Structure formats: C-alpha cells, structure tokens
Amino acid sequence: MEKKKDRLIRGTAMNGKVRAFAVRTTELVEELRRRHDTYPTATAALGRTVTAAAMMGAMLKGREKLCIMVKGDGPIGQIVAESNALGEVCGYVHHPHIHLPSNSMGKLDVAGAVGTEGFIDIIKDLGLKEPYRGSIPIISGELAEDFTYYFAVSEQTPAAVGLGVLVDTDESVIVAGGFIVQLLPGLTDAEITEIEKALGAMPSVTTLLDQGLEPEEMLRFLLPDAVVMDELDINFACQCSRERVEQTLVSLGQDELERLIAEDEQAEVVCHFCNEAYVFNKDELQVILEQAKS
C-alpha cells in the first residue's frame, strides 16, 4: 500500500462558529518508534501526545513553539513532545520499553502506562519575556479526554479531542492521527447537540484512517459543512545540533570537562528527542575546555 504523507488541515464549520483541526501522523509516530525503540503501549502513548502537539502547534504563529509534558504515575514515566507553527514535531518517553496487556475494550492500555494521577503541563513560547504555562491534573490517562479538559480549563474553549494510534503485530505503526474541534461563541444549543451526536456516532480515529480517509474526510464525519482553510505538512524535526551540544558541554564548566578528559578521554551526548549520539574526542574536548575557561 502506498504510504501517505503526514498532513494537517485547519477548517471551520457552522458559519465560523466551530474551528477544527485534523491530522495524520503515521510517519511521525513510526519515526519516533524506530528512533526510541518503543514497545506498543509506549508507542500509543507517545503517538497520542505528539499528535496533540502537532495540532496545538498549528494553532501558533511564526516562530512560536510549545512543549507538552505528561507526568503521570504510570510505568512509562514522563512523555515530552515539542512542536511549532511550521509542523515540526518531536518527542520521547522516559521508559520506552513498556507494553501492558490490553484494556477491557481490547485496546492498548494507554491509561495503564501513563497513570491516572499526575499532571499535564503545556508551555508555550510566544516570543514574550515569560513563556505561557498551563497545567491540568490528569483525569483519565487516555490523553484525548485529558487534552479536552485542558482546553476547557486552561483556554476556556469547549473542545472535543480525538487521538489514535494503531500498532501492527510487528510493532510498527499502521496509522496514527487525531482531531480537535473547538466550539466558539454563538453556537445554539441545537447546534451543540448536533455536534455531540456526531461525536457519539463517529468511528474511532484509527478506524477512519485505516479505511484510507484523508484528514478532511475524517473532519466531515463530524462536521458535514466543514470548510478547509489551509493545510500543513507534518514532519519529524529535532532542534539539536553539534553546535548546541558543544554549548551544553561548555556549560558543564572547567572542572567537569577536565575530569572527562582525564578519565574518559571522550564524551558522548545522546539527544533525548531524536536519540542521535554526538561523540567528542579528547582533542575536541580540549578545545571546548578552552572555551569554558574564556
């Protein structure tokens, strides 16, 4: 089957009283699975988080970016995702080798992995002096409900969030994606009821994507009159570079660098987000030490 590229669409419905986003993130989630060697339940939890991050990134402008940190009491530990307005997304999970038995619905037990106690922090860098921080308690651990709660509480915008990741028997990602529908002022009770009914009757995100539906078709399941405003390619992108890692080593300070040179004769720094390893030999560390001294 031909691979479809990851893409996000932004749209409106009900005469501009509903704002909606839908996205396919299959390639992104598979790339993260491959880089971090995540087991199925961890893949689903990380995949749902980066899918939400991709859509929330699309709500930003210019060079703005955001970071999502899911800190639950489950065995997976912390999930971190970063995204920006350009559709660039990355993420990782503290304990990638987590796979649990299926839940009572026969699905991957994301809530069991994430935990049902803890917090989700969302930090937006809007180019101001201080970043914006929103924090909500985890209410289900399944994540879609948690992000729905975040929009209601932190952004005072009623919303419906759907997230899904379907994993194959060989642990690769079959499909991943999601939607966010935001209800804006001016909707009548009848219109809200109509949306709620459509949500109740809608098949799962993974069912629709697995049937080959595009993000805009998925959205029209919910909002038949949805008008697509624009679209965005979604790509895995990490902001790390050798130069950035060098700066991190400089910040370790003179004593620590001298210890690395004397004891290890090299340093290896692995990026959390992309698992790329940067190795610096003794001579390179000596140059970095001179920078630290100056």
Protein backbone atom coordinates (compact mmCIF):
# COMPACT_ATOMS: atom_id res chain seq x y z
CA MET A 1 0.00 0.00 0.00
CA GLU A 2 1.34 3.44 -0.94
CA LYS A 3 2.47 5.49 2.06
CA LYS A 4 0.58 8.71 2.58
CA LYS A 5 2.49 11.70 3.88
CA ASP A 6 1.55 13.24 7.19
CA ARG A 7 -0.61 16.31 6.82
CA LEU A 8 -2.79 18.55 8.94
CA ILE A 9 -5.81 20.53 7.84
CA ARG A 10 -7.40 23.54 9.51
CA GLY A 11 -11.03 24.31 8.89
CA THR A 12 -14.19 25.98 10.12
CA ALA A 13 -17.83 24.90 10.25
CA MET A 14 -21.26 26.20 11.21
CA ASN A 15 -20.59 29.67 9.76
CA GLY A 16 -17.28 30.10 11.57
CA LYS A 17 -18.66 29.15 14.99
CA VAL A 18 -16.56 25.97 15.06
CA ARG A 19 -12.81 25.77 14.50
CA ALA A 20 -11.39 22.37 13.64
CA PHE A 21 -8.09 20.58 13.07
CA ALA A 22 -7.50 17.06 11.77
CA VAL A 23 -4.17 15.36 11.21
CA ARG A 24 -2.49 12.17 10.05
CA THR A 25 0.75 11.49 11.97
CA THR A 26 1.51 7.90 10.90
CA GLU A 27 5.01 8.59 9.55
CA LEU A 28 5.92 10.81 12.52
CA VAL A 29 4.88 8.21 15.11
CA GLU A 30 6.63 5.40 13.21
CA GLU A 31 9.81 7.52 13.02
CA LEU A 32 9.69 8.05 16.80
CA ARG A 33 9.00 4.35 17.40
CA ARG A 34 12.03 3.43 15.30
CA ARG A 35 14.33 6.01 16.92
CA HIS A 36 13.34 5.24 20.51
CA ASP A 37 12.53 1.53 20.11
CA THR A 38 9.17 1.99 21.84
CA TYR A 39 7.05 -1.05 22.67
CA PRO A 40 3.36 -0.96 21.54
CA THR A 41 1.73 0.64 24.62
CA ALA A 42 4.53 3.23 24.84
CA THR A 43 4.20 3.86 21.08
CA ALA A 44 0.47 4.58 21.51
CA ALA A 45 1.01 6.93 24.48
CA LEU A 46 3.84 8.84 22.79
CA GLY A 47 1.94 8.84 19.48
CA ARG A 48 -1.20 10.34 21.00
CA THR A 49 0.87 13.04 22.74
CA VAL A 50 2.82 14.10 19.63
CA THR A 51 -0.41 14.07 17.60
CA ALA A 52 -1.98 16.53 20.07
CA ALA A 53 1.25 18.56 19.95
CA ALA A 54 1.13 18.72 16.14
CA MET A 55 -2.40 20.18 16.20
CA MET A 56 -1.68 22.58 19.06
CA GLY A 57 1.46 23.71 17.23
CA ALA A 58 -0.71 24.54 14.23
CA MET A 59 -2.63 26.99 16.46
CA LEU A 60 0.57 29.04 16.87
CA LYS A 61 2.08 31.66 14.56
CA GLY A 62 5.51 32.46 13.14
CA ARG A 63 8.36 31.19 15.30
CA GLU A 64 6.18 30.32 18.31
CA LYS A 65 6.60 26.83 19.76
CA LEU A 66 5.22 24.66 22.51
CA CYS A 67 6.20 21.82 24.79
CA ILE A 68 3.83 19.26 26.33
CA MET A 69 4.92 17.28 29.40
CA VAL A 70 2.73 14.43 30.59
CA LYS A 71 3.82 13.45 34.10
CA GLY A 72 1.67 10.56 35.30
CA ASP A 73 2.23 7.91 37.96
CA GLY A 74 2.30 5.02 35.46
CA PRO A 75 5.32 2.88 34.48
CA ILE A 76 6.02 4.86 31.30
CA GLY A 77 7.30 7.88 33.27
CA GLN A 78 7.25 11.29 31.62
CA ILE A 79 6.20 11.89 27.99
CA VAL A 80 7.59 15.02 26.34
CA ALA A 81 6.55 16.45 22.96
CA GLU A 82 7.63 19.65 21.21
CA SER A 83 6.09 21.31 18.17
CA ASN A 84 5.90 24.63 16.34
CA ALA A 85 3.79 26.54 13.83
CA LEU A 86 5.77 25.03 10.92
CA GLY A 87 4.53 21.49 11.52
CA GLU A 88 7.84 20.31 13.02
CA VAL A 89 7.30 17.82 15.85
CA CYS A 90 9.47 15.60 18.07
CA GLY A 91 9.05 13.74 21.32
CA TYR A 92 10.23 11.00 23.64
CA VAL A 93 9.13 8.92 26.60
CA HIS A 94 11.24 8.15 29.68
CA HIS A 95 10.61 4.39 29.63
CA PRO A 96 10.09 3.28 26.01
CA HIS A 97 10.08 -0.46 26.76
CA ILE A 98 6.58 -0.56 28.27
CA HIS A 99 3.92 -2.90 26.93
CA LEU A 100 0.87 -3.83 29.01
CA PRO A 101 -1.95 -6.35 28.45
CA SER A 102 -4.93 -4.91 26.50
CA ASN A 103 -7.56 -2.98 28.47
CA SER A 104 -11.21 -4.08 28.92
CA MET A 105 -12.05 -2.70 25.45
CA GLY A 106 -9.35 -4.91 23.89
CA LYS A 107 -7.23 -1.84 23.09
CA LEU A 108 -3.71 -0.76 24.07
CA ASP A 109 -3.82 0.24 27.75
CA VAL A 110 -2.51 3.81 27.45
CA ALA A 111 -4.07 4.90 30.75
CA GLY A 112 -2.34 1.97 32.47
CA ALA A 113 1.01 3.10 31.07
CA VAL A 114 0.53 6.84 31.67
CA GLY A 115 -1.21 6.53 35.03
CA THR A 116 -4.33 8.29 36.27
CA GLU A 117 -2.65 10.58 38.83
CA GLY A 118 -0.35 13.41 37.87
CA PHE A 119 -0.26 16.50 35.68
CA ILE A 120 -0.03 17.65 32.09
CA ASP A 121 1.98 20.84 31.65
CA ILE A 122 1.82 22.86 28.45
CA ILE A 123 4.45 25.54 27.94
CA LYS A 124 4.08 27.94 25.01
CA ASP A 125 6.98 30.10 23.87
CA LEU A 126 5.14 33.01 22.27
CA GLY A 127 8.26 35.19 21.95
CA LEU A 128 7.41 37.15 25.10
CA LYS A 129 9.65 37.59 28.14
CA GLU A 130 7.98 34.76 30.01
CA PRO A 131 6.55 31.61 28.39
CA TYR A 132 2.85 30.84 28.95
CA ARG A 133 2.29 27.85 31.23
CA GLY A 134 -0.90 25.86 31.61
CA SER A 135 -1.20 22.87 33.93
CA ILE A 136 -4.06 20.44 34.49
CA PRO A 137 -4.42 17.27 36.54
CA ILE A 138 -4.59 14.03 34.55
CA ILE A 139 -8.24 12.97 34.59
CA SER A 140 -8.19 9.73 32.59
CA GLY A 141 -4.68 8.96 31.32
CA GLU A 142 -6.14 8.04 27.91
CA LEU A 143 -4.94 11.53 26.85
CA ALA A 144 -7.73 12.61 24.46
CA GLU A 145 -10.04 13.30 27.42
CA ASP A 146 -7.16 14.97 29.25
CA PHE A 147 -6.50 17.40 26.39
CA THR A 148 -10.25 18.06 26.10
CA TYR A 149 -10.16 19.03 29.78
CA TYR A 150 -7.08 21.23 29.17
CA PHE A 151 -8.91 23.31 26.54
CA ALA A 152 -11.95 23.75 28.78
CA VAL A 153 -9.95 24.75 31.86
CA SER A 154 -6.78 26.48 30.64
CA GLU A 155 -8.01 28.05 27.41
CA GLN A 156 -11.70 28.44 28.35
CA THR A 157 -12.66 26.93 24.99
CA PRO A 158 -15.03 23.93 24.97
CA ALA A 159 -13.43 21.35 22.65
CA ALA A 160 -13.59 17.71 21.61
CA VAL A 161 -10.28 15.91 21.08
CA GLY A 162 -9.80 12.55 19.36
CA LEU A 163 -6.41 10.78 19.23
CA GLY A 164 -5.47 7.33 17.99
CA VAL A 165 -2.52 5.08 17.17
CA LEU A 166 -2.92 1.62 15.62
CA VAL A 167 0.07 -0.71 16.05
CA ASP A 168 0.76 -3.78 13.89
CA THR A 169 1.76 -7.25 15.10
CA ASP A 170 5.39 -6.45 14.14
CA GLU A 171 5.13 -3.38 16.44
CA SER A 172 5.25 -0.88 13.52
CA VAL A 173 2.63 1.87 13.27
CA ILE A 174 -0.25 1.18 10.87
CA VAL A 175 -1.96 4.58 11.28
CA ALA A 176 -1.92 7.49 13.72
CA GLY A 177 -3.80 10.76 13.82
CA GLY A 178 -6.42 12.85 15.53
CA PHE A 179 -8.78 15.83 15.54
CA ILE A 180 -9.57 18.85 17.69
CA VAL A 181 -12.96 20.56 17.35
CA GLN A 182 -13.27 23.88 19.22
CA LEU A 183 -16.68 25.41 19.92
CA LEU A 184 -16.63 29.19 19.62
CA PRO A 185 -19.19 31.69 20.97
CA GLY A 186 -22.51 31.95 19.13
CA LEU A 187 -23.42 28.27 18.83
CA THR A 188 -27.04 27.43 19.67
CA ASP A 189 -27.96 24.55 21.99
CA ALA A 190 -29.33 22.69 18.96
CA GLU A 191 -26.01 23.03 17.11
CA ILE A 192 -24.04 21.84 20.16
CA THR A 193 -26.37 18.82 20.44
CA GLU A 194 -25.81 18.09 16.73
CA ILE A 195 -22.01 18.05 17.26
CA GLU A 196 -22.35 15.85 20.37
CA LYS A 197 -24.50 13.36 18.42
CA ALA A 198 -21.95 13.27 15.57
CA LEU A 199 -19.15 12.66 18.09
CA GLY A 200 -21.09 9.80 19.65
CA ALA A 201 -21.70 8.14 16.27
CA MET A 202 -18.21 8.66 14.88
CA PRO A 203 -15.98 5.58 14.43
CA SER A 204 -12.54 5.78 16.07
CA VAL A 205 -9.81 7.92 14.50
CA THR A 206 -7.75 4.81 13.70
CA THR A 207 -10.75 3.07 12.07
CA LEU A 208 -11.26 6.02 9.71
CA LEU A 209 -7.57 6.42 8.88
CA ASP A 210 -7.16 2.67 8.38
CA GLN A 211 -10.02 2.84 5.86
CA GLY A 212 -7.90 5.33 3.91
CA LEU A 213 -9.74 8.52 4.80
CA GLU A 214 -7.87 11.82 4.49
CA PRO A 215 -7.92 14.29 7.42
CA GLU A 216 -10.58 16.48 5.74
CA GLU A 217 -12.84 13.45 5.17
CA MET A 218 -12.41 12.50 8.83
CA LEU A 219 -13.46 16.01 9.81
CA ARG A 220 -16.58 15.89 7.61
CA PHE A 221 -17.72 12.82 9.53
CA LEU A 222 -18.16 15.21 12.46
CA LEU A 223 -18.92 18.46 10.64
CA PRO A 224 -20.53 17.84 7.25
CA ASP A 225 -20.29 21.54 6.34
CA ALA A 226 -16.58 21.84 7.26
CA VAL A 227 -14.65 24.24 5.02
CA VAL A 228 -10.89 23.63 4.73
CA MET A 229 -8.97 26.89 5.25
CA ASP A 230 -5.42 25.62 4.79
CA GLU A 231 -3.12 22.65 5.29
CA LEU A 232 0.31 21.95 6.70
CA ASP A 233 2.82 19.12 6.20
CA ILE A 234 3.78 17.45 9.48
CA ASN A 235 7.39 16.33 9.84
CA PHE A 236 9.68 14.87 12.47
CA ALA A 237 12.29 17.54 13.26
CA CYS A 238 14.68 17.83 16.16
CA GLN A 239 16.29 21.14 17.10
CA CYS A 240 19.54 19.52 18.29
CA SER A 241 22.87 20.09 16.52
CA ARG A 242 26.56 19.50 17.21
CA GLU A 243 26.95 23.24 17.97
CA ARG A 244 24.14 23.13 20.55
CA VAL A 245 25.67 20.08 22.22
CA GLU A 246 29.03 21.87 22.31
CA GLN A 247 27.40 24.76 24.16
CA THR A 248 25.91 22.29 26.64
CA LEU A 249 29.38 20.84 27.26
CA VAL A 250 30.81 24.35 27.74
CA SER A 251 28.14 24.97 30.38
CA LEU A 252 29.36 21.91 32.36
CA GLY A 253 32.28 24.07 33.50
CA GLN A 254 36.01 23.67 33.70
CA ASP A 255 36.23 21.02 36.46
CA GLU A 256 33.79 18.59 34.86
CA LEU A 257 35.44 18.94 31.43
CA GLU A 258 38.88 18.32 32.91
CA ARG A 259 37.52 15.19 34.59
CA LEU A 260 36.04 13.93 31.29
CA ILE A 261 39.37 14.48 29.51
CA ALA A 262 41.41 12.78 32.25
CA GLU A 263 39.11 9.83 32.98
CA ASP A 264 37.10 9.10 29.83
CA GLU A 265 39.20 10.79 27.11
CA GLN A 266 35.92 11.39 25.24
CA ALA A 267 32.30 12.41 25.77
CA GLU A 268 29.15 11.02 24.21
CA VAL A 269 25.95 13.06 24.42
CA VAL A 270 22.69 11.50 23.25
CA CYS A 271 19.75 13.76 22.36
CA HIS A 272 16.55 12.79 24.23
CA PHE A 273 14.33 13.78 21.31
CA CYS A 274 15.99 12.05 18.36
CA ASN A 275 18.39 9.59 20.00
CA GLU A 276 21.23 10.96 17.87
CA ALA A 277 24.63 10.43 19.55
CA TYR A 278 27.29 13.16 19.42
CA VAL A 279 30.81 11.95 20.23
CA PHE A 280 33.63 14.34 21.12
CA ASN A 281 37.22 13.02 21.27
CA LYS A 282 39.96 14.21 23.62
CA ASP A 283 41.25 16.94 21.25
CA GLU A 284 37.74 18.31 20.69
CA LEU A 285 37.08 18.33 24.44
CA GLN A 286 40.33 20.26 24.91
CA VAL A 287 39.02 22.96 22.53
CA ILE A 288 35.72 23.07 24.43
CA LEU A 289 37.63 23.34 27.71
CA GLU A 290 39.47 26.42 26.37
CA GLN A 291 36.06 27.94 25.51
CA ALA A 292 34.83 27.18 29.04
CA LYS A 293 37.91 28.88 30.51
CA SER A 294 37.36 32.02 28.46
